């Protein structure tokens, strides 16, 4: 078979490989939130479940306080800048070994593996950083409430249940000056907040 014939025969295979690579890239992009660059719910859930195989995993839920007021007072551009800043700080705090997702609106979730047992200190630092004015929108003054839970405290629970516990802790954090609360080890309360978070996490 001549080189020309071989090249002609190989063209369909090359085109198919290029097409598959394009589809994979499109799928990857579709699972990213266009504003923050974080994973959307589906992409986050897939990666979070893998991380939860590690007993040292920590689940975090974050919610921007008074976000509607920020949009109404300062405009959507300021609100977008705030969301992008929160996403950046969360991603930096979690690091490359964890995962952060935007569940929708002003709600974010993360899973990190606490290898050096510093999660409480890291999250306390994160809460302080998130309370600072946003670069590019210094007039925006708000806080971000964080709730978190250790997987090892609830070894039989899945991502949905752990998000429910982090959700309850987050809403409790809204009533504290620090804006940070760890989930209790006891029974998961059947609160509206907890049920809502549980549905979001069960992708």
N, C-alpha and C. Protein backbone atom coordinates (compact mmCIF):
# COMPACT_ATOMS: atom_id res chain seq x y z
N UNK A 1 0.85 -1.20 0.00
CA UNK A 1 0.00 0.00 0.00
C UNK A 1 0.88 1.24 0.00
N UNK A 2 0.57 2.19 -0.86
CA UNK A 2 1.40 3.38 -0.99
C UNK A 2 1.21 4.31 0.20
N UNK A 3 2.20 5.20 0.43
CA UNK A 3 2.07 6.17 1.52
C UNK A 3 0.83 7.04 1.39
N UNK A 4 0.45 7.39 0.18
CA UNK A 4 -0.74 8.22 -0.03
C UNK A 4 -2.00 7.48 0.40
N UNK A 5 -2.04 6.18 0.03
CA UNK A 5 -3.20 5.36 0.41
C UNK A 5 -3.28 5.21 1.92
N UNK A 6 -2.12 5.00 2.56
CA UNK A 6 -2.09 4.88 4.02
C UNK A 6 -2.58 6.16 4.69
N UNK A 7 -2.12 7.30 4.17
CA UNK A 7 -2.52 8.58 4.74
C UNK A 7 -4.02 8.79 4.59
N UNK A 8 -4.55 8.43 3.43
CA UNK A 8 -5.99 8.59 3.19
C UNK A 8 -6.80 7.69 4.13
N UNK A 9 -6.28 6.49 4.37
CA UNK A 9 -6.98 5.57 5.27
C UNK A 9 -6.93 6.05 6.72
N UNK A 10 -5.88 6.76 7.08
CA UNK A 10 -5.72 7.21 8.46
C UNK A 10 -6.53 8.44 8.78
N UNK A 11 -6.91 9.19 7.75
CA UNK A 11 -7.63 10.45 7.98
C UNK A 11 -8.91 10.30 8.80
N UNK A 12 -9.78 9.32 8.49
CA UNK A 12 -10.99 9.18 9.31
C UNK A 12 -10.69 8.91 10.78
N UNK A 13 -9.67 8.12 11.05
CA UNK A 13 -9.31 7.82 12.44
C UNK A 13 -8.82 9.07 13.16
N UNK A 14 -8.01 9.87 12.48
CA UNK A 14 -7.51 11.11 13.07
C UNK A 14 -8.67 12.06 13.34
N UNK A 15 -9.59 12.17 12.38
CA UNK A 15 -10.75 13.05 12.54
C UNK A 15 -11.60 12.60 13.73
N UNK A 16 -11.72 11.29 13.91
CA UNK A 16 -12.51 10.77 15.02
C UNK A 16 -11.85 11.11 16.36
N UNK A 17 -10.54 10.96 16.45
CA UNK A 17 -9.82 11.30 17.68
C UNK A 17 -9.98 12.78 18.00
N UNK A 18 -9.83 13.63 16.99
CA UNK A 18 -9.99 15.08 17.19
C UNK A 18 -11.40 15.39 17.67
N UNK A 19 -12.39 14.72 17.09
CA UNK A 19 -13.79 14.93 17.49
C UNK A 19 -14.00 14.53 18.95
N UNK A 20 -13.46 13.39 19.36
CA UNK A 20 -13.60 12.93 20.74
C UNK A 20 -12.94 13.92 21.70
N UNK A 21 -11.76 14.41 21.35
CA UNK A 21 -11.07 15.38 22.20
C UNK A 21 -11.89 16.67 22.34
N UNK A 22 -12.52 17.08 21.26
CA UNK A 22 -13.36 18.28 21.27
C UNK A 22 -14.57 18.06 22.18
N UNK A 23 -15.18 16.87 22.09
CA UNK A 23 -16.35 16.57 22.93
C UNK A 23 -15.98 16.54 24.40
N UNK A 24 -14.82 15.94 24.71
CA UNK A 24 -14.37 15.89 26.11
C UNK A 24 -14.13 17.30 26.64
N UNK A 25 -13.53 18.16 25.82
CA UNK A 25 -13.28 19.54 26.23
C UNK A 25 -14.60 20.28 26.47
N UNK A 26 -15.57 20.06 25.58
CA UNK A 26 -16.88 20.71 25.75
C UNK A 26 -17.56 20.24 27.02
N UNK A 27 -17.48 18.93 27.32
CA UNK A 27 -18.10 18.39 28.51
C UNK A 27 -17.44 18.96 29.75
N UNK A 28 -16.11 19.06 29.73
CA UNK A 28 -15.37 19.63 30.84
C UNK A 28 -15.80 21.08 31.09
N UNK A 29 -15.94 21.85 30.00
CA UNK A 29 -16.34 23.25 30.12
C UNK A 29 -17.76 23.35 30.65
N UNK A 30 -18.64 22.46 30.24
CA UNK A 30 -20.04 22.52 30.67
C UNK A 30 -20.18 22.28 32.16
N UNK A 31 -19.21 21.62 32.76
CA UNK A 31 -19.29 21.35 34.20
C UNK A 31 -18.62 22.44 35.03
N UNK A 32 -18.20 23.52 34.38
CA UNK A 32 -17.59 24.65 35.07
C UNK A 32 -18.56 25.84 35.08
N UNK A 33 -18.66 26.50 36.21
CA UNK A 33 -19.48 27.69 36.32
C UNK A 33 -18.80 28.83 35.55
N UNK A 34 -19.48 29.48 34.61
CA UNK A 34 -18.82 30.49 33.78
C UNK A 34 -18.36 31.73 34.54
N UNK A 35 -19.02 32.08 35.64
CA UNK A 35 -18.63 33.27 36.38
C UNK A 35 -17.41 33.03 37.26
N UNK A 36 -17.40 31.94 38.00
CA UNK A 36 -16.36 31.70 39.00
C UNK A 36 -15.29 30.72 38.55
N UNK A 37 -15.58 29.92 37.53
CA UNK A 37 -14.64 28.89 37.12
C UNK A 37 -14.68 27.64 37.98
N UNK A 38 -15.54 27.63 39.00
CA UNK A 38 -15.66 26.46 39.87
C UNK A 38 -16.50 25.38 39.19
N UNK A 39 -16.44 24.17 39.77
CA UNK A 39 -17.28 23.09 39.27
C UNK A 39 -18.75 23.41 39.54
N UNK A 40 -19.61 23.02 38.62
CA UNK A 40 -21.04 23.08 38.86
C UNK A 40 -21.42 21.89 39.74
N UNK A 41 -22.70 21.78 40.06
CA UNK A 41 -23.14 20.74 41.00
C UNK A 41 -22.72 19.34 40.58
N UNK A 42 -22.91 19.01 39.30
CA UNK A 42 -22.58 17.67 38.84
C UNK A 42 -21.09 17.39 38.94
N UNK A 43 -20.28 18.30 38.45
CA UNK A 43 -18.83 18.11 38.50
C UNK A 43 -18.32 18.05 39.93
N UNK A 44 -18.87 18.91 40.79
CA UNK A 44 -18.47 18.90 42.19
C UNK A 44 -18.84 17.57 42.85
N UNK A 45 -20.06 17.12 42.63
CA UNK A 45 -20.53 15.91 43.29
C UNK A 45 -19.68 14.70 42.94
N UNK A 46 -19.32 14.56 41.68
CA UNK A 46 -18.50 13.42 41.25
C UNK A 46 -17.16 13.39 41.98
N UNK A 47 -16.51 14.54 42.07
CA UNK A 47 -15.19 14.62 42.71
C UNK A 47 -15.30 14.55 44.22
N UNK A 48 -16.33 15.15 44.77
CA UNK A 48 -16.50 15.14 46.22
C UNK A 48 -16.71 13.72 46.74
N UNK A 49 -17.48 12.93 46.03
CA UNK A 49 -17.72 11.55 46.46
C UNK A 49 -16.43 10.74 46.49
N UNK A 50 -15.55 11.00 45.54
CA UNK A 50 -14.27 10.29 45.55
C UNK A 50 -13.43 10.71 46.76
N UNK A 51 -13.42 12.00 47.05
CA UNK A 51 -12.63 12.48 48.19
C UNK A 51 -13.17 11.95 49.52
N UNK A 52 -14.47 11.71 49.59
CA UNK A 52 -15.06 11.24 50.83
C UNK A 52 -14.69 9.79 51.16
N UNK A 53 -13.99 9.12 50.27
CA UNK A 53 -13.47 7.79 50.61
C UNK A 53 -12.37 7.89 51.65
N UNK A 54 -11.79 9.07 51.78
CA UNK A 54 -10.74 9.33 52.76
C UNK A 54 -11.40 9.75 54.09
N UNK A 55 -11.07 9.06 55.17
CA UNK A 55 -11.68 9.35 56.47
C UNK A 55 -11.33 10.73 57.00
N UNK A 56 -10.31 11.35 56.42
CA UNK A 56 -9.89 12.68 56.88
C UNK A 56 -10.63 13.81 56.15
N UNK A 57 -11.58 13.45 55.30
CA UNK A 57 -12.28 14.46 54.51
C UNK A 57 -13.14 15.37 55.38
N UNK A 58 -13.24 16.61 54.96
CA UNK A 58 -14.06 17.63 55.62
C UNK A 58 -14.97 18.25 54.56
N UNK A 59 -16.25 18.37 54.89
CA UNK A 59 -17.23 18.97 53.99
C UNK A 59 -17.56 20.37 54.49
N UNK A 60 -17.53 21.34 53.58
CA UNK A 60 -17.75 22.75 53.93
C UNK A 60 -18.87 23.30 53.06
N UNK A 61 -19.74 24.09 53.67
CA UNK A 61 -20.78 24.79 52.92
C UNK A 61 -20.66 26.27 53.24
N UNK A 62 -20.73 27.12 52.22
CA UNK A 62 -20.56 28.56 52.39
C UNK A 62 -21.71 29.31 51.72
N UNK A 63 -22.15 30.38 52.35
CA UNK A 63 -23.26 31.16 51.85
C UNK A 63 -22.96 32.64 52.09
N UNK A 64 -23.10 33.47 51.04
CA UNK A 64 -22.84 34.90 51.17
C UNK A 64 -24.02 35.55 51.89
N UNK A 65 -23.73 36.25 52.97
CA UNK A 65 -24.78 36.92 53.74
C UNK A 65 -25.26 38.17 53.01
N UNK A 66 -26.57 38.36 53.01
CA UNK A 66 -27.20 39.57 52.45
C UNK A 66 -26.81 39.79 50.99
N UNK A 67 -26.73 38.70 50.23
CA UNK A 67 -26.30 38.83 48.84
C UNK A 67 -27.31 39.62 48.00
N UNK A 68 -28.58 39.40 48.21
CA UNK A 68 -29.59 40.15 47.46
C UNK A 68 -29.46 41.64 47.73
N UNK A 69 -29.17 41.99 48.98
CA UNK A 69 -28.99 43.39 49.33
C UNK A 69 -27.80 44.00 48.59
N UNK A 70 -26.73 43.21 48.44
CA UNK A 70 -25.56 43.69 47.69
C UNK A 70 -25.95 43.99 46.24
N UNK A 71 -26.68 43.06 45.62
CA UNK A 71 -27.11 43.27 44.24
C UNK A 71 -28.03 44.48 44.12
N UNK A 72 -28.98 44.60 45.04
CA UNK A 72 -29.95 45.69 44.97
C UNK A 72 -29.30 47.05 45.22
N UNK A 73 -28.30 47.09 46.09
CA UNK A 73 -27.68 48.36 46.47
C UNK A 73 -26.56 48.77 45.51
N UNK A 74 -25.71 47.81 45.15
CA UNK A 74 -24.51 48.13 44.39
C UNK A 74 -24.54 47.65 42.94
N UNK A 75 -25.53 46.88 42.59
CA UNK A 75 -25.64 46.40 41.21
C UNK A 75 -25.08 45.00 41.03
N UNK A 76 -25.44 44.39 39.92
CA UNK A 76 -25.05 43.00 39.68
C UNK A 76 -23.56 42.85 39.40
N UNK A 77 -22.93 43.90 38.89
CA UNK A 77 -21.49 43.81 38.65
C UNK A 77 -20.74 43.63 39.97
N UNK A 78 -21.17 44.38 41.00
CA UNK A 78 -20.56 44.23 42.32
C UNK A 78 -20.86 42.85 42.89
N UNK A 79 -22.08 42.37 42.69
CA UNK A 79 -22.43 41.02 43.16
C UNK A 79 -21.59 39.96 42.49
N UNK A 80 -21.38 40.11 41.18
CA UNK A 80 -20.54 39.15 40.46
C UNK A 80 -19.10 39.19 40.96
N UNK A 81 -18.59 40.39 41.23
CA UNK A 81 -17.22 40.51 41.75
C UNK A 81 -17.11 39.84 43.11
N UNK A 82 -18.14 39.97 43.92
CA UNK A 82 -18.16 39.34 45.24
C UNK A 82 -18.14 37.82 45.11
N UNK A 83 -18.97 37.27 44.23
CA UNK A 83 -19.01 35.82 44.04
C UNK A 83 -17.68 35.29 43.52
N UNK A 84 -17.08 36.01 42.59
CA UNK A 84 -15.79 35.59 42.05
C UNK A 84 -14.71 35.61 43.13
N UNK A 85 -14.77 36.63 44.01
CA UNK A 85 -13.78 36.72 45.09
C UNK A 85 -13.95 35.57 46.08
N UNK A 86 -15.20 35.28 46.45
CA UNK A 86 -15.47 34.17 47.37
C UNK A 86 -14.97 32.86 46.77
N UNK A 87 -15.25 32.66 45.49
CA UNK A 87 -14.81 31.43 44.82
C UNK A 87 -13.28 31.31 44.84
N UNK A 88 -12.60 32.41 44.57
CA UNK A 88 -11.14 32.38 44.57
C UNK A 88 -10.56 32.06 45.93
N UNK A 89 -11.12 32.66 46.97
CA UNK A 89 -10.62 32.41 48.33
C UNK A 89 -10.91 30.97 48.76
N UNK A 90 -12.07 30.45 48.42
CA UNK A 90 -12.39 29.06 48.76
C UNK A 90 -11.43 28.10 48.06
N UNK A 91 -11.23 28.31 46.77
CA UNK A 91 -10.35 27.43 46.02
C UNK A 91 -8.93 27.47 46.57
N UNK A 92 -8.46 28.66 46.93
CA UNK A 92 -7.11 28.79 47.49
C UNK A 92 -7.00 28.07 48.83
N UNK A 93 -8.03 28.21 49.65
CA UNK A 93 -7.99 27.59 50.98
C UNK A 93 -8.04 26.06 50.89
N UNK A 94 -8.85 25.55 49.99
CA UNK A 94 -9.00 24.10 49.86
C UNK A 94 -7.76 23.48 49.22
N UNK A 95 -7.18 24.18 48.26
CA UNK A 95 -5.97 23.66 47.63
C UNK A 95 -6.25 22.70 46.50
N UNK A 96 -5.19 22.23 45.89
CA UNK A 96 -5.31 21.38 44.70
C UNK A 96 -5.82 19.98 45.03
N UNK A 97 -5.71 19.56 46.27
CA UNK A 97 -6.14 18.21 46.64
C UNK A 97 -7.61 18.14 47.01
N UNK A 98 -8.28 19.30 47.04
CA UNK A 98 -9.70 19.32 47.36
C UNK A 98 -10.52 19.72 46.16
N UNK A 99 -11.81 19.96 46.37
CA UNK A 99 -12.70 20.38 45.29
C UNK A 99 -13.67 21.42 45.83
N UNK A 100 -13.96 22.42 45.01
CA UNK A 100 -14.92 23.47 45.37
C UNK A 100 -15.93 23.58 44.24
N UNK A 101 -17.19 23.75 44.59
CA UNK A 101 -18.23 23.91 43.57
C UNK A 101 -19.17 25.03 43.93
N UNK A 102 -19.76 25.61 42.91
CA UNK A 102 -20.84 26.58 43.12
C UNK A 102 -22.15 25.83 42.91
N UNK A 103 -22.91 25.70 43.99
CA UNK A 103 -24.15 24.94 43.91
C UNK A 103 -25.27 25.73 43.26
N UNK A 104 -25.11 27.04 43.23
CA UNK A 104 -26.13 27.89 42.65
C UNK A 104 -26.24 29.18 43.44
N UNK A 105 -26.51 30.28 42.74
CA UNK A 105 -26.66 31.56 43.43
C UNK A 105 -25.41 31.92 44.20
N UNK A 106 -25.59 32.15 45.50
CA UNK A 106 -24.47 32.56 46.36
C UNK A 106 -24.05 31.43 47.30
N UNK A 107 -24.31 30.19 46.91
CA UNK A 107 -24.00 29.04 47.75
C UNK A 107 -22.87 28.21 47.14
N UNK A 108 -21.91 27.88 47.98
CA UNK A 108 -20.73 27.14 47.54
C UNK A 108 -20.53 25.93 48.47
N UNK A 109 -19.90 24.90 47.94
CA UNK A 109 -19.56 23.73 48.74
C UNK A 109 -18.13 23.32 48.43
N UNK A 110 -17.50 22.69 49.40
CA UNK A 110 -16.12 22.23 49.22
C UNK A 110 -15.91 20.95 50.00
N UNK A 111 -14.99 20.15 49.52
CA UNK A 111 -14.50 18.98 50.27
C UNK A 111 -12.99 19.05 50.23
N UNK A 112 -12.39 18.96 51.40
CA UNK A 112 -10.93 18.94 51.50
C UNK A 112 -10.50 17.76 52.36
N UNK A 113 -9.28 17.32 52.16
CA UNK A 113 -8.73 16.24 52.97
C UNK A 113 -7.78 16.85 53.99
N UNK A 114 -8.13 16.71 55.26
CA UNK A 114 -7.40 17.37 56.35
C UNK A 114 -6.23 16.49 56.79
N UNK A 115 -5.19 16.44 55.96
CA UNK A 115 -4.05 15.55 56.22
C UNK A 115 -3.25 15.98 57.45
N UNK A 116 -3.16 17.28 57.69
CA UNK A 116 -2.34 17.76 58.80
C UNK A 116 -3.17 18.24 59.99
N UNK A 117 -4.47 17.93 60.00
CA UNK A 117 -5.36 18.24 61.13
C UNK A 117 -5.40 19.75 61.43
N UNK A 118 -5.42 20.55 60.38
CA UNK A 118 -5.46 22.01 60.57
C UNK A 118 -6.75 22.62 60.01
N UNK A 119 -7.75 21.80 59.72
CA UNK A 119 -8.97 22.32 59.11
C UNK A 119 -9.61 23.44 59.94
N UNK A 120 -9.74 23.31 61.27
CA UNK A 120 -10.37 24.41 62.02
C UNK A 120 -9.63 25.73 61.86
N UNK A 121 -8.31 25.68 61.93
CA UNK A 121 -7.53 26.91 61.77
C UNK A 121 -7.63 27.47 60.35
N UNK A 122 -7.57 26.58 59.36
CA UNK A 122 -7.68 27.02 57.96
C UNK A 122 -9.03 27.68 57.70
N UNK A 123 -10.08 27.09 58.22
CA UNK A 123 -11.42 27.63 57.98
C UNK A 123 -11.65 28.92 58.76
N UNK A 124 -11.06 29.03 59.93
CA UNK A 124 -11.16 30.28 60.69
C UNK A 124 -10.45 31.40 59.93
N UNK A 125 -9.29 31.11 59.37
CA UNK A 125 -8.58 32.10 58.56
C UNK A 125 -9.40 32.46 57.34
N UNK A 126 -10.00 31.46 56.70
CA UNK A 126 -10.82 31.71 55.53
C UNK A 126 -12.00 32.63 55.86
N UNK A 127 -12.65 32.39 57.00
CA UNK A 127 -13.78 33.23 57.41
C UNK A 127 -13.36 34.68 57.57
N UNK A 128 -12.17 34.89 58.14
CA UNK A 128 -11.68 36.27 58.31
C UNK A 128 -11.37 36.91 56.96
N UNK A 129 -10.78 36.14 56.06
CA UNK A 129 -10.45 36.67 54.73
C UNK A 129 -11.73 37.03 53.97
N UNK A 130 -12.74 36.18 54.07
CA UNK A 130 -13.99 36.41 53.35
C UNK A 130 -14.76 37.61 53.88
N UNK A 131 -14.44 38.05 55.09
CA UNK A 131 -15.12 39.21 55.67
C UNK A 131 -14.51 40.54 55.22
N UNK A 132 -13.40 40.48 54.49
CA UNK A 132 -12.75 41.72 54.05
C UNK A 132 -13.48 42.29 52.83
N UNK A 133 -13.34 43.61 52.59
CA UNK A 133 -13.92 44.20 51.38
C UNK A 133 -13.34 43.56 50.13
N UNK A 134 -14.14 43.54 49.08
CA UNK A 134 -13.74 42.89 47.84
C UNK A 134 -12.88 43.82 47.00
N UNK A 135 -11.77 43.30 46.49
CA UNK A 135 -10.96 44.08 45.56
C UNK A 135 -11.79 44.41 44.32
N UNK A 136 -11.77 45.66 43.94
CA UNK A 136 -12.56 46.09 42.78
C UNK A 136 -13.95 46.52 43.14
N UNK A 137 -14.40 46.21 44.36
CA UNK A 137 -15.72 46.66 44.84
C UNK A 137 -15.60 46.95 46.33
N UNK A 138 -14.76 47.93 46.72
CA UNK A 138 -14.51 48.19 48.14
C UNK A 138 -15.73 48.66 48.91
N UNK A 139 -16.75 49.12 48.19
CA UNK A 139 -17.96 49.58 48.87
C UNK A 139 -18.82 48.44 49.38
N UNK A 140 -18.53 47.23 48.91
CA UNK A 140 -19.31 46.06 49.32
C UNK A 140 -18.80 45.54 50.66
N UNK A 141 -19.64 45.58 51.67
CA UNK A 141 -19.29 45.08 52.99
C UNK A 141 -20.30 44.00 53.38
N UNK A 142 -19.85 42.78 53.40
CA UNK A 142 -20.70 41.68 53.81
C UNK A 142 -19.82 40.60 54.39
N UNK A 143 -20.42 39.52 54.79
CA UNK A 143 -19.69 38.38 55.33
C UNK A 143 -20.15 37.11 54.63
N UNK A 144 -19.41 36.04 54.86
CA UNK A 144 -19.76 34.74 54.32
C UNK A 144 -19.83 33.77 55.48
N UNK A 145 -20.95 33.10 55.61
CA UNK A 145 -21.13 32.12 56.70
C UNK A 145 -20.65 30.75 56.24
N UNK A 146 -19.92 30.07 57.11
CA UNK A 146 -19.35 28.76 56.80
C UNK A 146 -19.82 27.73 57.81
N UNK A 147 -20.24 26.59 57.30
CA UNK A 147 -20.54 25.44 58.15
C UNK A 147 -19.71 24.26 57.68
N UNK A 148 -19.23 23.46 58.60
CA UNK A 148 -18.38 22.34 58.19
C UNK A 148 -18.59 21.13 59.07
N UNK A 149 -18.19 19.98 58.53
CA UNK A 149 -18.36 18.72 59.24
C UNK A 149 -17.25 17.76 58.82
N UNK A 150 -16.79 16.98 59.78
CA UNK A 150 -15.80 15.94 59.48
C UNK A 150 -16.50 14.65 59.08
N UNK A 151 -16.01 14.03 58.03
CA UNK A 151 -16.56 12.75 57.62
C UNK A 151 -16.41 11.71 58.72
N UNK A 152 -15.31 11.74 59.43
CA UNK A 152 -15.04 10.73 60.46
C UNK A 152 -16.03 10.81 61.62
N UNK A 153 -16.69 11.96 61.80
CA UNK A 153 -17.71 12.07 62.85
C UNK A 153 -18.99 11.34 62.48
N UNK A 154 -19.19 11.09 61.19
CA UNK A 154 -20.41 10.45 60.70
C UNK A 154 -20.04 9.46 59.61
N UNK A 155 -19.34 8.38 59.96
CA UNK A 155 -18.76 7.48 58.95
C UNK A 155 -19.78 6.79 58.05
N UNK A 156 -21.02 6.66 58.48
CA UNK A 156 -22.00 5.96 57.66
C UNK A 156 -22.78 6.86 56.72
N UNK A 157 -22.47 8.14 56.69
CA UNK A 157 -23.28 9.07 55.91
C UNK A 157 -22.63 9.42 54.58
N UNK A 158 -23.48 9.69 53.58
CA UNK A 158 -22.99 10.02 52.25
C UNK A 158 -22.87 11.54 52.09
N UNK A 159 -22.52 11.97 50.89
CA UNK A 159 -22.32 13.39 50.63
C UNK A 159 -23.57 14.20 50.92
N UNK A 160 -24.72 13.69 50.53
CA UNK A 160 -25.95 14.43 50.73
C UNK A 160 -26.20 14.70 52.21
N UNK A 161 -26.04 13.68 53.04
CA UNK A 161 -26.26 13.84 54.48
C UNK A 161 -25.23 14.77 55.11
N UNK A 162 -23.99 14.65 54.68
CA UNK A 162 -22.94 15.51 55.23
C UNK A 162 -23.16 16.97 54.83
N UNK A 163 -23.64 17.19 53.60
CA UNK A 163 -23.99 18.55 53.19
C UNK A 163 -25.15 19.08 54.04
N UNK A 164 -26.07 18.20 54.39
CA UNK A 164 -27.16 18.62 55.26
C UNK A 164 -26.66 19.08 56.62
N UNK A 165 -25.72 18.35 57.18
CA UNK A 165 -25.14 18.74 58.47
C UNK A 165 -24.36 20.05 58.35
N UNK A 166 -23.57 20.17 57.28
CA UNK A 166 -22.83 21.42 57.08
C UNK A 166 -23.78 22.59 56.87
N UNK A 167 -24.92 22.33 56.24
CA UNK A 167 -25.92 23.36 56.01
C UNK A 167 -26.50 23.87 57.33
N UNK A 168 -26.83 22.95 58.22
CA UNK A 168 -27.34 23.35 59.53
C UNK A 168 -26.30 24.16 60.30
N UNK A 169 -25.06 23.71 60.23
CA UNK A 169 -23.99 24.44 60.91
C UNK A 169 -23.81 25.83 60.30
N UNK A 170 -23.96 25.92 58.99
CA UNK A 170 -23.81 27.21 58.32
C UNK A 170 -24.89 28.20 58.78
N UNK A 171 -26.12 27.73 58.87
CA UNK A 171 -27.19 28.63 59.31
C UNK A 171 -27.02 29.01 60.77
N UNK A 172 -26.46 28.12 61.56
CA UNK A 172 -26.14 28.48 62.95
C UNK A 172 -25.03 29.52 62.97
N UNK A 173 -24.09 29.41 62.04
CA UNK A 173 -22.98 30.36 61.97
C UNK A 173 -23.46 31.77 61.66
N UNK A 174 -24.57 31.89 60.95
CA UNK A 174 -25.10 33.21 60.62
C UNK A 174 -25.50 33.98 61.88
N UNK A 175 -25.69 33.27 62.97
CA UNK A 175 -26.09 33.93 64.23
C UNK A 175 -24.90 34.17 65.15
N UNK A 176 -23.69 33.92 64.66
CA UNK A 176 -22.51 34.13 65.49
C UNK A 176 -21.61 35.20 64.86
N UNK A 177 -20.85 35.91 65.67
CA UNK A 177 -19.96 36.95 65.12
C UNK A 177 -18.88 36.39 64.21
N UNK A 178 -18.42 35.17 64.46
CA UNK A 178 -17.31 34.61 63.68
C UNK A 178 -17.75 34.14 62.31
N UNK A 179 -19.03 33.80 62.14
CA UNK A 179 -19.51 33.31 60.85
C UNK A 179 -19.02 31.92 60.51
N UNK A 180 -18.65 31.13 61.52
CA UNK A 180 -18.10 29.79 61.29
C UNK A 180 -18.63 28.86 62.36
N UNK A 181 -19.09 27.67 61.94
CA UNK A 181 -19.62 26.71 62.91
C UNK A 181 -19.38 25.29 62.41
N UNK A 182 -18.92 24.44 63.34
CA UNK A 182 -18.76 23.02 63.03
C UNK A 182 -20.06 22.30 63.35
N UNK A 183 -20.42 21.32 62.52
CA UNK A 183 -21.64 20.56 62.73
C UNK A 183 -21.53 19.74 64.01
N UNK A 184 -22.65 19.59 64.67
CA UNK A 184 -22.70 18.77 65.88
C UNK A 184 -22.58 17.29 65.53
N UNK A 185 -22.15 16.51 66.49
CA UNK A 185 -21.99 15.08 66.25
C UNK A 185 -23.31 14.34 66.44
N UNK A 186 -24.29 14.98 67.05
CA UNK A 186 -25.57 14.33 67.33
C UNK A 186 -26.45 14.16 66.10
N UNK A 187 -27.73 14.01 66.35
CA UNK A 187 -28.72 13.74 65.30
C UNK A 187 -28.84 14.92 64.34
N UNK A 188 -29.02 14.60 63.06
CA UNK A 188 -29.25 15.63 62.05
C UNK A 188 -30.68 16.12 62.19
N UNK A 189 -30.84 17.41 62.43
CA UNK A 189 -32.17 17.98 62.59
C UNK A 189 -32.90 18.03 61.25
N UNK A 190 -34.19 17.84 61.26
CA UNK A 190 -34.99 17.87 60.03
C UNK A 190 -35.40 19.30 59.72
N UNK A 191 -34.42 20.15 59.55
CA UNK A 191 -34.70 21.56 59.27
C UNK A 191 -34.88 21.78 57.78
N UNK A 192 -35.55 22.86 57.44
CA UNK A 192 -35.72 23.21 56.03
C UNK A 192 -34.35 23.39 55.38
N UNK A 193 -33.43 24.04 56.08
CA UNK A 193 -32.11 24.28 55.53
C UNK A 193 -31.39 22.96 55.26
N UNK A 194 -31.45 22.05 56.21
CA UNK A 194 -30.78 20.77 56.03
C UNK A 194 -31.36 19.95 54.88
N UNK A 195 -32.70 19.92 54.78
CA UNK A 195 -33.31 19.15 53.69
C UNK A 195 -32.97 19.76 52.34
N UNK A 196 -32.96 21.09 52.28
CA UNK A 196 -32.65 21.74 51.01
C UNK A 196 -31.24 21.41 50.57
N UNK A 197 -30.28 21.49 51.49
CA UNK A 197 -28.89 21.19 51.14
C UNK A 197 -28.74 19.74 50.73
N UNK A 198 -29.46 18.84 51.41
CA UNK A 198 -29.37 17.44 51.09
C UNK A 198 -29.83 17.16 49.65
N UNK A 199 -30.90 17.81 49.22
CA UNK A 199 -31.36 17.62 47.85
C UNK A 199 -30.35 18.12 46.85
N UNK A 200 -29.71 19.24 47.16
CA UNK A 200 -28.73 19.80 46.24
C UNK A 200 -27.54 18.85 46.05
N UNK A 201 -27.15 18.18 47.15
CA UNK A 201 -25.96 17.36 47.07
C UNK A 201 -26.19 16.00 46.45
N UNK A 202 -27.43 15.59 46.33
CA UNK A 202 -27.73 14.25 45.84
C UNK A 202 -27.87 14.25 44.33
N UNK A 203 -26.80 14.61 43.63
CA UNK A 203 -26.87 14.66 42.16
C UNK A 203 -26.75 13.27 41.60
